[in-house]
């Protein structure tokens, strides 16, 4: 945390990065002003899209001393209102898992190219972004820590598969390459408590470094202050403190 007599500033802007197949895609990048060094964070947005909440979250990481980048995983589909683009992608069944991993790798490479980086990069996501963070931590370019906030379909059922959603994250747990933090609401249905139990059992089976926290009275999306039915202030405040503590231990 900054001292009261220190200058604080932030750089935040839209940039272009290399993604899957060599495509240039948009990303929202934010970091503290100054020379660093700063840890890096790849922020993976949820199924509703590259929304204001995710851009604000990217700035939130920057305010905590991270160089953070949130790639637009829907950049190839359409441009316009983020909610409209997200609705279109959801109707089409999402975006390909392999493409998301490669786009995240591009964001990771962008951060690692920065002279202000301290040499460590993490991945963070909520909802489908939590699932993608799990996949990236297992199958992507090396990250040093990962945060899965209530990632649905980490444990896939037969009806979850389509021609774009093809990877069952839990099947790749043996390849997890970094410490993992998981935050879950006990009233969530995707993932439900039994699926969280399955994920935890797989992590234990393969001897992985992880910590899970489960919140009574919380369901899906309990960080989302803009969704009053989902938001749980007490659980969200504690969850963010868990995130900062975990990342400080593994990325600083």
Foldseek 3Di string as FASTA:
>chain_A
DDDPPDDWAKDWDWDWWQFPPRDTFIKIWMAIPDQAQAAEEEEEEALQFPDPVSNVVNVVVRVVGYTYMYTGLQRVPDDDHSNVSSVVCVVVLHAALVRLQRRSLRVVVVQCVDSNHPNAYEYEYFACSLLSSLVNQQPHDHHAEYERELHFQCQPDPVSDDPRYDDNSLVRLLRRDYEYEYEAEQAEVRVHPVVVVVSVVSCVVNVHHYDYDYHYPAYGPCLPPVDVVHHDVVSNVVVVVVVVVVCVVGGD
